[in-house]
Amino acid sequence: MSPRARRSYDQYCSAARALDAVGDRWTLLIVRELLAGPRRYTDLHADLPGVSTDVLASRLKDMERDGLTTRRRLPPPGAAYVYELTARGRALLPVLEALGAWGAGELGERRPTDAVRAHWFALPLLRALREAGAAEGVVEVRLEEGDFHLYAGAVAGAEEEGARVYGDGPASGTPDARLVLDAVTCAALGRGETGLRDAVREGRVEVTGDGAAAKALREG
């Protein structure tokens, strides 16, 4: 079967060219997931509720064709294929951050039909950490929905090979800071209704740790 023909707006405009590559439904959300590092197809499908297997496979093929992702086989004992972002794909981090900030006002009360994963709050928290002046380092985040960890300062080096923005679960070593908060506070931070330092002062975010990031947040 021949590959799907690439659709194009056929406009000599950089925004139109960008949408040719990432404007299809699910593409940017796949990028969001791969900002955590290499992921197996089954992991992507689990964390993208609502996407069909056919559409996910099609999008991944398109993204590989367009130079946004690569696919490689893990060495034994893993021996599974994983997808990961190229430098061009990782360069979409500021785009996703800006899109998330623009859409944060749409995050009202969670609807009964809304799926949620803890790490979906990674990008707004990354921006909140930067605005709070937190130093670079690993920040572990604990929500009722689950744990994840962030690499504060990740935007600057996002295009470097192997760079990760966040990861599922607790940090592998001792993090520079640990944050405990709830999804409501995360949404408020994303909407800009409060700053991270203010949320710490108000007791809405608990901060522990001895790293520079923890000290910077407690100083507020």
Foldseek 3Di string as FASTA:
>chain_A
DDADDQDFPPDPDPVRVVCSQQVDPPRVVLLLVQLQPWDALVVSPVVDPPDDSVVSVNSLVSCVVVQQKDWDADDPPRRGIIIHGALVNLLCLVVVLVVLLVCLVVPDPDDPPDDDAVCVLLSLVLVLLVVLVFDFWKEWEQEPRAIKIAGRVQNVVSSDPPRHGIHGHGDPDATQKYKYAYPVVSSCSSNVVDGQLVCVVVVRIDMDHDHRRSVSSPVD
